[in-house]
Amino acid sequence: MAVEPGRHVLITGAGGIVGTVLRRALRERYSLRLITRHPMDEPVEGNEEWCPADVADYAALRPAFQGIDAVIHLAASASPESAWADVLPANIVGAYNVLEAARDAGVGRVVFASSTHAVGMYYRDARQKAFALDEDERIDEHADPRPDSYYGASKVFGEALARYYHDEYGIAVICLRIGFVTPTADADFQPMRDVARADDPELMSSAIWLSHRDCAQLFERSLLTTTDWAVVYGTSDNARQVWDLGSARRLLNYQPQDHAPE
């Protein structure tokens, strides 16, 4: 079942980059319940309700799910450089707690923020070839998971656990392998080399960029779709592309409006 505008949507990790983008885009059309561990930088507005909780603490988290129609699960230790000690409570235990709380509260739809880091080793392998503007080869959701970090592995776990909750309990789940969302406005985006990996200086952020506008559309399409299970990639319509957006277009009616500068 789709979740139409006007319904109650819970967002975990609502104070982060993606959470802030979604709040601004969705709060006029949905009633938002916002989960963060700490107070948010932006004040809570009319259709928003803030519930302080840590996703690793089930007892604190569970009451916030009452009366909710859909969950957008963003909360995580989100850096590919995250240590296992950070990934375990936030990403592993947190994913279980969110799905279990959704099941227990009778929530019908969960949108899980996965990541391209779940298959990040393909990205490393393809660095020169895939960034060519005339390269047609893309990696789709049928490729075997190849995480590039503990963070990426935690997203593979989250997708697998979400599949179990879909098959066993009938929860509709859309897993979005989202790319690079900047904290600054779309107009300020400039392609840059990924300097985090000295062994791979040719990685370009322009291949995995997801604009704020496209990010908001992707998540809302995941609420509105009648598709009850999917793993799809989420980037803008970039000229340099690694991931196949075909399933997002077909299953979610995702129509990216933006593209990174070449």
C-alpha atoms as a PDB file:
ATOM      1  CA  MET A   1       0.000   0.000   0.000  1.00  0.00           C
ATOM      2  CA  ALA A   2       1.268   3.451  -0.879  1.00  0.00           C
ATOM      3  CA  VAL A   3       1.572   6.135   1.774  1.00  0.00           C
ATOM      4  CA  GLU A   4      -0.246   9.194   0.482  1.00  0.00           C
ATOM      5  CA  PRO A   5       0.437  12.814   1.491  1.00  0.00           C
ATOM      6  CA  GLY A   6      -1.115  13.757   4.794  1.00  0.00           C
ATOM      7  CA  ARG A   7      -0.091  10.539   6.510  1.00  0.00           C
ATOM      8  CA  HIS A   8       2.262  10.120   9.474  1.00  0.00           C
ATOM      9  CA  VAL A   9       5.895   9.417   8.582  1.00  0.00           C
ATOM     10  CA  LEU A  10       8.675   8.764  11.091  1.00  0.00           C
ATOM     11  CA  ILE A  11      12.232   9.712  10.133  1.00  0.00           C
ATOM     12  CA  THR A  12      15.197   8.381  12.094  1.00  0.00           C
ATOM     13  CA  GLY A  13      18.435  10.332  11.844  1.00  0.00           C
ATOM     14  CA  ALA A  14      16.347  13.388  11.025  1.00  0.00           C
ATOM     15  CA  GLY A  15      19.097  15.816  12.005  1.00  0.00           C
ATOM     16  CA  GLY A  16      21.602  14.566   9.428  1.00  0.00           C
ATOM     17  CA  ILE A  17      22.250  15.801   5.898  1.00  0.00           C
ATOM     18  CA  VAL A  18      19.628  13.623   4.201  1.00  0.00           C
ATOM     19  CA  GLY A  19      17.218  14.010   7.101  1.00  0.00           C
ATOM     20  CA  THR A  20      17.380  17.794   6.813  1.00  0.00           C
ATOM     21  CA  VAL A  21      16.786  17.617   3.049  1.00  0.00           C
ATOM     22  CA  LEU A  22      13.730  15.401   3.577  1.00  0.00           C
ATOM     23  CA  ARG A  23      12.285  17.514   6.378  1.00  0.00           C
ATOM     24  CA  ARG A  24      12.320  20.599   4.189  1.00  0.00           C
ATOM     25  CA  ALA A  25      10.779  18.732   1.258  1.00  0.00           C
ATOM     26  CA  LEU A  26       8.115  16.681   3.059  1.00  0.00           C
ATOM     27  CA  ARG A  27       6.892  18.660   6.057  1.00  0.00           C
ATOM     28  CA  GLU A  28       4.228  20.555   4.120  1.00  0.00           C
ATOM     29  CA  ARG A  29       2.652  17.328   2.855  1.00  0.00           C
ATOM     30  CA  TYR A  30       3.178  14.827   5.680  1.00  0.00           C
ATOM     31  CA  SER A  31       3.056  14.799   9.461  1.00  0.00           C
ATOM     32  CA  LEU A  32       6.646  14.058  10.449  1.00  0.00           C
ATOM     33  CA  ARG A  33       7.868  12.444  13.657  1.00  0.00           C
ATOM     34  CA  LEU A  34      11.590  13.085  13.923  1.00  0.00           C
ATOM     35  CA  ILE A  35      13.989  10.792  15.782  1.00  0.00           C
ATOM     36  CA  THR A  36      17.444  12.037  16.782  1.00  0.00           C
ATOM     37  CA  ARG A  37      19.717  11.449  19.732  1.00  0.00           C
ATOM     38  CA  HIS A  38      20.397  15.162  20.147  1.00  0.00           C
ATOM     39  CA  PRO A  39      18.409  18.357  19.470  1.00  0.00           C
ATOM     40  CA  MET A  40      18.393  19.358  15.803  1.00  0.00           C
ATOM     41  CA  ASP A  41      19.966  22.479  14.358  1.00  0.00           C
ATOM     42  CA  GLU A  42      16.732  23.547  12.666  1.00  0.00           C
ATOM     43  CA  PRO A  43      13.696  24.235  14.897  1.00  0.00           C
ATOM     44  CA  VAL A  44      10.735  21.876  14.747  1.00  0.00           C
ATOM     45  CA  GLU A  45       7.864  23.323  12.693  1.00  0.00           C
ATOM     46  CA  GLY A  46       4.083  22.902  12.564  1.00  0.00           C
ATOM     47  CA  ASN A  47       3.710  19.400  11.082  1.00  0.00           C
ATOM     48  CA  GLU A  48       6.794  18.076  12.872  1.00  0.00           C
ATOM     49  CA  GLU A  49       7.238  16.386  16.223  1.00  0.00           C
ATOM     50  CA  TRP A  50      10.645  15.658  17.729  1.00  0.00           C
ATOM     51  CA  CYS A  51      11.173  12.470  19.735  1.00  0.00           C
ATOM     52  CA  PRO A  52      14.644  12.137  21.266  1.00  0.00           C
ATOM     53  CA  ALA A  53      15.814   8.527  21.118  1.00  0.00           C
ATOM     54  CA  ASP A  54      18.810   6.407  20.194  1.00  0.00           C
ATOM     55  CA  VAL A  55      18.019   3.717  17.611  1.00  0.00           C
ATOM     56  CA  ALA A  56      20.270   1.363  19.573  1.00  0.00           C
ATOM     57  CA  ASP A  57      17.872   1.627  22.560  1.00  0.00           C
ATOM     58  CA  TYR A  58      14.714  -0.307  21.704  1.00  0.00           C
ATOM     59  CA  ALA A  59      12.804   0.652  24.857  1.00  0.00           C
ATOM     60  CA  ALA A  60      13.340   4.355  24.148  1.00  0.00           C
ATOM     61  CA  LEU A  61      12.637   3.983  20.423  1.00  0.00           C
ATOM     62  CA  ARG A  62       9.496   1.841  20.352  1.00  0.00           C
ATOM     63  CA  PRO A  63       6.894   4.383  21.649  1.00  0.00           C
ATOM     64  CA  ALA A  64       7.650   6.755  18.755  1.00  0.00           C
ATOM     65  CA  PHE A  65       6.317   4.210  16.241  1.00  0.00           C
ATOM     66  CA  GLN A  66       2.765   4.252  17.532  1.00  0.00           C
ATOM     67  CA  GLY A  67       0.313   5.654  14.975  1.00  0.00           C
ATOM     68  CA  ILE A  68       2.926   5.810  12.192  1.00  0.00           C
ATOM     69  CA  ASP A  69       2.110   4.889   8.577  1.00  0.00           C
ATOM     70  CA  ALA A  70       5.666   4.689   7.204  1.00  0.00           C
ATOM     71  CA  VAL A  71       9.251   4.879   8.416  1.00  0.00           C
ATOM     72  CA  ILE A  72      12.260   6.419   6.686  1.00  0.00           C
ATOM     73  CA  HIS A  73      15.302   4.925   8.397  1.00  0.00           C
ATOM     74  CA  LEU A  74      18.366   7.129   7.994  1.00  0.00           C
ATOM     75  CA  ALA A  75      20.097   6.892  11.381  1.00  0.00           C
ATOM     76  CA  ALA A  76      23.554   5.338  11.162  1.00  0.00           C
ATOM     77  CA  SER A  77      27.225   5.796  11.757  1.00  0.00           C
ATOM     78  CA  ALA A  78      27.441   7.017   8.201  1.00  0.00           C
ATOM     79  CA  SER A  79      31.126   7.303   7.323  1.00  0.00           C
ATOM     80  CA  PRO A  80      32.895   4.554   5.361  1.00  0.00           C
ATOM     81  CA  GLU A  81      35.724   5.172   7.804  1.00  0.00           C
ATOM     82  CA  SER A  82      33.515   4.216  10.791  1.00  0.00           C
ATOM     83  CA  ALA A  83      35.029   1.740  13.226  1.00  0.00           C
ATOM     84  CA  TRP A  84      33.216  -1.498  14.043  1.00  0.00           C
ATOM     85  CA  ALA A  85      32.555  -0.236  17.580  1.00  0.00           C
ATOM     86  CA  ASP A  86      30.456   2.569  16.060  1.00  0.00           C
ATOM     87  CA  VAL A  87      28.824   0.516  13.314  1.00  0.00           C
ATOM     88  CA  LEU A  88      27.585  -2.279  15.594  1.00  0.00           C
ATOM     89  CA  PRO A  89      25.153  -0.298  17.796  1.00  0.00           C
ATOM     90  CA  ALA A  90      24.083   2.343  15.289  1.00  0.00           C
ATOM     91  CA  ASN A  91      23.850   0.327  12.070  1.00  0.00           C
ATOM     92  CA  ILE A  92      23.396  -3.323  13.049  1.00  0.00           C
ATOM     93  CA  VAL A  93      21.416  -3.134  16.290  1.00  0.00           C
ATOM     94  CA  GLY A  94      19.738   0.050  15.084  1.00  0.00           C
ATOM     95  CA  ALA A  95      18.469  -1.570  11.867  1.00  0.00           C
ATOM     96  CA  TYR A  96      17.014  -4.476  13.833  1.00  0.00           C
ATOM     97  CA  ASN A  97      15.370  -2.187  16.376  1.00  0.00           C
ATOM     98  CA  VAL A  98      13.745  -0.036  13.696  1.00  0.00           C
ATOM     99  CA  LEU A  99      12.379  -2.993  11.744  1.00  0.00           C
ATOM    100  CA  GLU A 100      11.200  -4.737  14.899  1.00  0.00           C
ATOM    101  CA  ALA A 101       9.526  -1.584  16.204  1.00  0.00           C
ATOM    102  CA  ALA A 102       7.819  -1.153  12.822  1.00  0.00           C
ATOM    103  CA  ARG A 103       6.574  -4.742  12.921  1.00  0.00           C
ATOM    104  CA  ASP A 104       5.359  -4.458  16.505  1.00  0.00           C
ATOM    105  CA  ALA A 105       3.534  -1.184  15.804  1.00  0.00           C
ATOM    106  CA  GLY A 106       1.924  -2.437  12.590  1.00  0.00           C
ATOM    107  CA  VAL A 107       3.764   0.000  10.316  1.00  0.00           C
ATOM    108  CA  GLY A 108       3.177  -1.041   6.707  1.00  0.00           C
ATOM    109  CA  ARG A 109       6.116   0.559   4.883  1.00  0.00           C
ATOM    110  CA  VAL A 110       9.800   1.170   5.615  1.00  0.00           C
ATOM    111  CA  VAL A 111      12.226   3.073   3.401  1.00  0.00           C
ATOM    112  CA  PHE A 112      15.746   1.974   4.315  1.00  0.00           C
ATOM    113  CA  ALA A 113      18.634   4.278   3.466  1.00  0.00           C
ATOM    114  CA  SER A 114      21.240   1.864   2.216  1.00  0.00           C
ATOM    115  CA  SER A 115      24.326   3.073   0.387  1.00  0.00           C
ATOM    116  CA  THR A 116      26.419   2.568  -2.701  1.00  0.00           C
ATOM    117  CA  HIS A 117      29.121   1.486  -0.219  1.00  0.00           C
ATOM    118  CA  ALA A 118      27.247  -1.846  -0.032  1.00  0.00           C
ATOM    119  CA  VAL A 119      28.760  -2.492  -3.457  1.00  0.00           C
ATOM    120  CA  GLY A 120      31.649  -0.080  -3.204  1.00  0.00           C
ATOM    121  CA  MET A 121      34.324  -2.511  -4.352  1.00  0.00           C
ATOM    122  CA  TYR A 122      32.802  -2.460  -7.849  1.00  0.00           C
ATOM    123  CA  TYR A 123      33.190   1.304  -7.763  1.00  0.00           C
ATOM    124  CA  ARG A 124      36.871   0.973  -6.957  1.00  0.00           C
ATOM    125  CA  ASP A 125      37.422  -1.638  -9.668  1.00  0.00           C
ATOM    126  CA  ALA A 126      35.620   0.427 -12.285  1.00  0.00           C
ATOM    127  CA  ARG A 127      37.370   3.684 -11.510  1.00  0.00           C
ATOM    128  CA  GLN A 128      38.887   4.464 -14.907  1.00  0.00           C
ATOM    129  CA  LYS A 129      36.456   2.665 -17.193  1.00  0.00           C
ATOM    130  CA  ALA A 130      33.174   3.641 -15.549  1.00  0.00           C
ATOM    131  CA  PHE A 131      33.941   7.349 -15.498  1.00  0.00           C
ATOM    132  CA  ALA A 132      34.259   7.538 -19.278  1.00  0.00           C
ATOM    133  CA  LEU A 133      31.369   9.535 -20.716  1.00  0.00           C
ATOM    134  CA  ASP A 134      30.780   6.985 -23.481  1.00  0.00           C
ATOM    135  CA  GLU A 135      30.801   3.936 -21.185  1.00  0.00           C
ATOM    136  CA  ASP A 136      27.462   2.085 -21.239  1.00  0.00           C
ATOM    137  CA  GLU A 137      28.193  -0.588 -18.622  1.00  0.00           C
ATOM    138  CA  ARG A 138      26.327  -0.096 -15.343  1.00  0.00           C
ATOM    139  CA  ILE A 139      26.125  -2.100 -12.127  1.00  0.00           C
ATOM    140  CA  ASP A 140      22.588  -3.060 -11.166  1.00  0.00           C
ATOM    141  CA  GLU A 141      20.924  -4.425  -8.034  1.00  0.00           C
ATOM    142  CA  HIS A 142      21.504  -8.033  -9.130  1.00  0.00           C
ATOM    143  CA  ALA A 143      25.262  -7.771  -8.657  1.00  0.00           C
ATOM    144  CA  ASP A 144      26.616  -9.572  -5.608  1.00  0.00           C
ATOM    145  CA  PRO A 145      27.159  -7.315  -2.582  1.00  0.00           C
ATOM    146  CA  ARG A 146      30.764  -6.147  -2.344  1.00  0.00           C
ATOM    147  CA  PRO A 147      31.014  -3.746   0.602  1.00  0.00           C
ATOM    148  CA  ASP A 148      34.055  -1.530   0.829  1.00  0.00           C
ATOM    149  CA  SER A 149      34.003  -0.957   4.600  1.00  0.00           C
ATOM    150  CA  TYR A 150      32.342  -1.935   7.878  1.00  0.00           C
ATOM    151  CA  TYR A 151      29.798   0.747   7.034  1.00  0.00           C
ATOM    152  CA  GLY A 152      29.117  -0.834   3.643  1.00  0.00           C
ATOM    153  CA  ALA A 153      28.841  -4.292   5.221  1.00  0.00           C
ATOM    154  CA  SER A 154      26.304  -2.956   7.721  1.00  0.00           C
ATOM    155  CA  LYS A 155      24.154  -1.753   4.828  1.00  0.00           C
ATOM    156  CA  VAL A 156      24.289  -5.212   3.255  1.00  0.00           C
ATOM    157  CA  PHE A 157      23.110  -6.582   6.609  1.00  0.00           C
ATOM    158  CA  GLY A 158      20.317  -4.013   6.752  1.00  0.00           C
ATOM    159  CA  GLU A 159      19.099  -4.968   3.276  1.00  0.00           C
ATOM    160  CA  ALA A 160      19.122  -8.675   4.175  1.00  0.00           C
ATOM    161  CA  LEU A 161      17.280  -8.070   7.428  1.00  0.00           C
ATOM    162  CA  ALA A 162      14.750  -5.887   5.612  1.00  0.00           C
ATOM    163  CA  ARG A 163      14.156  -8.728   3.139  1.00  0.00           C
ATOM    164  CA  TYR A 164      13.454 -11.071   6.037  1.00  0.00           C
ATOM    165  CA  TYR A 165      10.959  -8.638   7.581  1.00  0.00           C
ATOM    166  CA  HIS A 166       9.274  -8.243   4.214  1.00  0.00           C
ATOM    167  CA  ASP A 167       9.003 -11.980   3.559  1.00  0.00           C
ATOM    168  CA  GLU A 168       8.159 -13.030   7.121  1.00  0.00           C
ATOM    169  CA  TYR A 169       5.945 -10.161   8.252  1.00  0.00           C
ATOM    170  CA  GLY A 170       4.714  -8.543   5.045  1.00  0.00           C
ATOM    171  CA  ILE A 171       6.261  -5.113   5.609  1.00  0.00           C
ATOM    172  CA  ALA A 172       6.801  -3.252   2.352  1.00  0.00           C
ATOM    173  CA  VAL A 173      10.454  -2.184   2.173  1.00  0.00           C
ATOM    174  CA  ILE A 174      12.332  -0.084  -0.350  1.00  0.00           C
ATOM    175  CA  CYS A 175      16.127  -0.131   0.069  1.00  0.00           C
ATOM    176  CA  LEU A 176      17.763   2.908  -1.501  1.00  0.00           C
ATOM    177  CA  ARG A 177      21.477   2.636  -2.285  1.00  0.00           C
ATOM    178  CA  ILE A 178      21.979   6.364  -2.243  1.00  0.00           C
ATOM    179  CA  GLY A 179      25.053   8.141  -3.484  1.00  0.00           C
ATOM    180  CA  PHE A 180      26.749  11.371  -2.458  1.00  0.00           C
ATOM    181  CA  VAL A 181      24.488  14.040  -0.913  1.00  0.00           C
ATOM    182  CA  THR A 182      26.300  17.248  -0.058  1.00  0.00           C
ATOM    183  CA  PRO A 183      25.541  19.367   3.029  1.00  0.00           C
ATOM    184  CA  THR A 184      25.573  22.478   0.835  1.00  0.00           C
ATOM    185  CA  ALA A 185      22.959  23.586  -1.677  1.00  0.00           C
ATOM    186  CA  ASP A 186      22.808  21.882  -5.075  1.00  0.00           C
ATOM    187  CA  ALA A 187      23.909  25.059  -6.825  1.00  0.00           C
ATOM    188  CA  ASP A 188      27.159  25.037  -4.834  1.00  0.00           C
ATOM    189  CA  PHE A 189      28.176  21.514  -5.857  1.00  0.00           C
ATOM    190  CA  GLN A 190      31.536  21.216  -7.545  1.00  0.00           C
ATOM    191  CA  PRO A 191      32.995  17.883  -8.696  1.00  0.00           C
ATOM    192  CA  MET A 192      35.999  16.865  -6.658  1.00  0.00           C
ATOM    193  CA  ARG A 193      38.393  14.010  -6.446  1.00  0.00           C
ATOM    194  CA  ASP A 194      37.866  11.572  -3.607  1.00  0.00           C
ATOM    195  CA  VAL A 195      40.968  12.174  -1.536  1.00  0.00           C
ATOM    196  CA  ALA A 196      39.895   9.739   1.201  1.00  0.00           C
ATOM    197  CA  ARG A 197      41.590   6.843  -0.621  1.00  0.00           C
ATOM    198  CA  ALA A 198      45.143   7.635  -1.598  1.00  0.00           C
ATOM    199  CA  ASP A 199      45.355   4.431  -3.654  1.00  0.00           C
ATOM    200  CA  ASP A 200      42.567   5.599  -5.937  1.00  0.00           C
ATOM    201  CA  PRO A 201      42.869   9.295  -6.795  1.00  0.00           C
ATOM    202  CA  GLU A 202      40.612   9.029  -9.852  1.00  0.00           C
ATOM    203  CA  LEU A 203      37.348   8.514  -7.976  1.00  0.00           C
ATOM    204  CA  MET A 204      35.059  11.397  -8.872  1.00  0.00           C
ATOM    205  CA  SER A 205      32.150  12.603  -6.783  1.00  0.00           C
ATOM    206  CA  SER A 206      30.358  13.605  -9.987  1.00  0.00           C
ATOM    207  CA  ALA A 207      29.685   9.912 -10.741  1.00  0.00           C
ATOM    208  CA  ILE A 208      27.683   9.282  -7.556  1.00  0.00           C
ATOM    209  CA  TRP A 209      26.189  12.701  -6.813  1.00  0.00           C
ATOM    210  CA  LEU A 210      22.552  12.858  -5.666  1.00  0.00           C
ATOM    211  CA  SER A 211      21.089  16.364  -5.646  1.00  0.00           C
ATOM    212  CA  HIS A 212      18.837  17.550  -2.841  1.00  0.00           C
ATOM    213  CA  ARG A 213      15.904  17.803  -5.240  1.00  0.00           C
ATOM    214  CA  ASP A 214      16.440  14.301  -6.613  1.00  0.00           C
ATOM    215  CA  CYS A 215      17.029  12.926  -3.112  1.00  0.00           C
ATOM    216  CA  ALA A 216      13.677  14.271  -1.907  1.00  0.00           C
ATOM    217  CA  GLN A 217      11.933  12.908  -4.991  1.00  0.00           C
ATOM    218  CA  LEU A 218      13.528   9.472  -4.589  1.00  0.00           C
ATOM    219  CA  PHE A 219      12.402   9.101  -0.978  1.00  0.00           C
ATOM    220  CA  GLU A 220       8.898  10.408  -1.616  1.00  0.00           C
ATOM    221  CA  ARG A 221       8.505   8.080  -4.604  1.00  0.00           C
ATOM    222  CA  SER A 222       9.416   5.270  -2.202  1.00  0.00           C
ATOM    223  CA  LEU A 223       6.490   6.299  -0.013  1.00  0.00           C
ATOM    224  CA  LEU A 224       4.038   6.690  -2.896  1.00  0.00           C
ATOM    225  CA  THR A 225       4.859   3.506  -4.811  1.00  0.00           C
ATOM    226  CA  THR A 226       2.769   0.352  -4.565  1.00  0.00           C
ATOM    227  CA  THR A 227       5.954  -1.714  -5.024  1.00  0.00           C
ATOM    228  CA  ASP A 228       6.386  -3.696  -1.819  1.00  0.00           C
ATOM    229  CA  TRP A 229      10.041  -4.754  -2.163  1.00  0.00           C
ATOM    230  CA  ALA A 230      12.961  -3.293  -4.074  1.00  0.00           C
ATOM    231  CA  VAL A 231      16.655  -2.559  -3.858  1.00  0.00           C
ATOM    232  CA  VAL A 232      17.452   0.377  -6.139  1.00  0.00           C
ATOM    233  CA  TYR A 233      20.245   2.858  -6.729  1.00  0.00           C
ATOM    234  CA  GLY A 234      19.798   6.536  -6.065  1.00  0.00           C
ATOM    235  CA  THR A 235      21.947   9.086  -7.848  1.00  0.00           C
ATOM    236  CA  SER A 236      21.133  12.005 -10.072  1.00  0.00           C
ATOM    237  CA  ASP A 237      21.170  11.620 -13.845  1.00  0.00           C
ATOM    238  CA  ASN A 238      24.912  12.154 -14.048  1.00  0.00           C
ATOM    239  CA  ALA A 239      26.865  11.980 -17.293  1.00  0.00           C
ATOM    240  CA  ARG A 240      29.467   9.826 -15.573  1.00  0.00           C
ATOM    241  CA  GLN A 241      27.492   6.962 -14.065  1.00  0.00           C
ATOM    242  CA  VAL A 242      28.406   3.744 -12.288  1.00  0.00           C
ATOM    243  CA  TRP A 243      25.042   2.527 -11.021  1.00  0.00           C
ATOM    244  CA  ASP A 244      22.014   1.451 -13.046  1.00  0.00           C
ATOM    245  CA  LEU A 245      18.979   3.644 -12.285  1.00  0.00           C
ATOM    246  CA  GLY A 246      16.631   1.496 -14.362  1.00  0.00           C
ATOM    247  CA  SER A 247      14.860  -0.165 -11.431  1.00  0.00           C
ATOM    248  CA  ALA A 248      14.370   3.137  -9.621  1.00  0.00           C
ATOM    249  CA  ARG A 249      12.813   4.592 -12.745  1.00  0.00           C
ATOM    250  CA  ARG A 250      10.641   1.544 -13.437  1.00  0.00           C
ATOM    251  CA  LEU A 251       9.525   0.529  -9.941  1.00  0.00           C
ATOM    252  CA  LEU A 252       9.367   3.918  -8.231  1.00  0.00           C
ATOM    253  CA  ASN A 253       8.762   6.210 -11.200  1.00  0.00           C
ATOM    254  CA  TYR A 254      11.906   8.065 -10.163  1.00  0.00           C
ATOM    255  CA  GLN A 255      12.704  10.774 -12.692  1.00  0.00           C
ATOM    256  CA  PRO A 256      15.913  12.559 -11.714  1.00  0.00           C
ATOM    257  CA  GLN A 257      15.958  16.216 -12.668  1.00  0.00           C
ATOM    258  CA  ASP A 258      19.587  17.090 -12.068  1.00  0.00           C
ATOM    259  CA  HIS A 259      23.046  16.006 -13.177  1.00  0.00           C
ATOM    260  CA  ALA A 260      26.525  16.743 -11.911  1.00  0.00           C
ATOM    261  CA  PRO A 261      28.792  18.969 -13.991  1.00  0.00           C
ATOM    262  CA  GLU A 262      30.887  16.886 -16.371  1.00  0.00           C
END
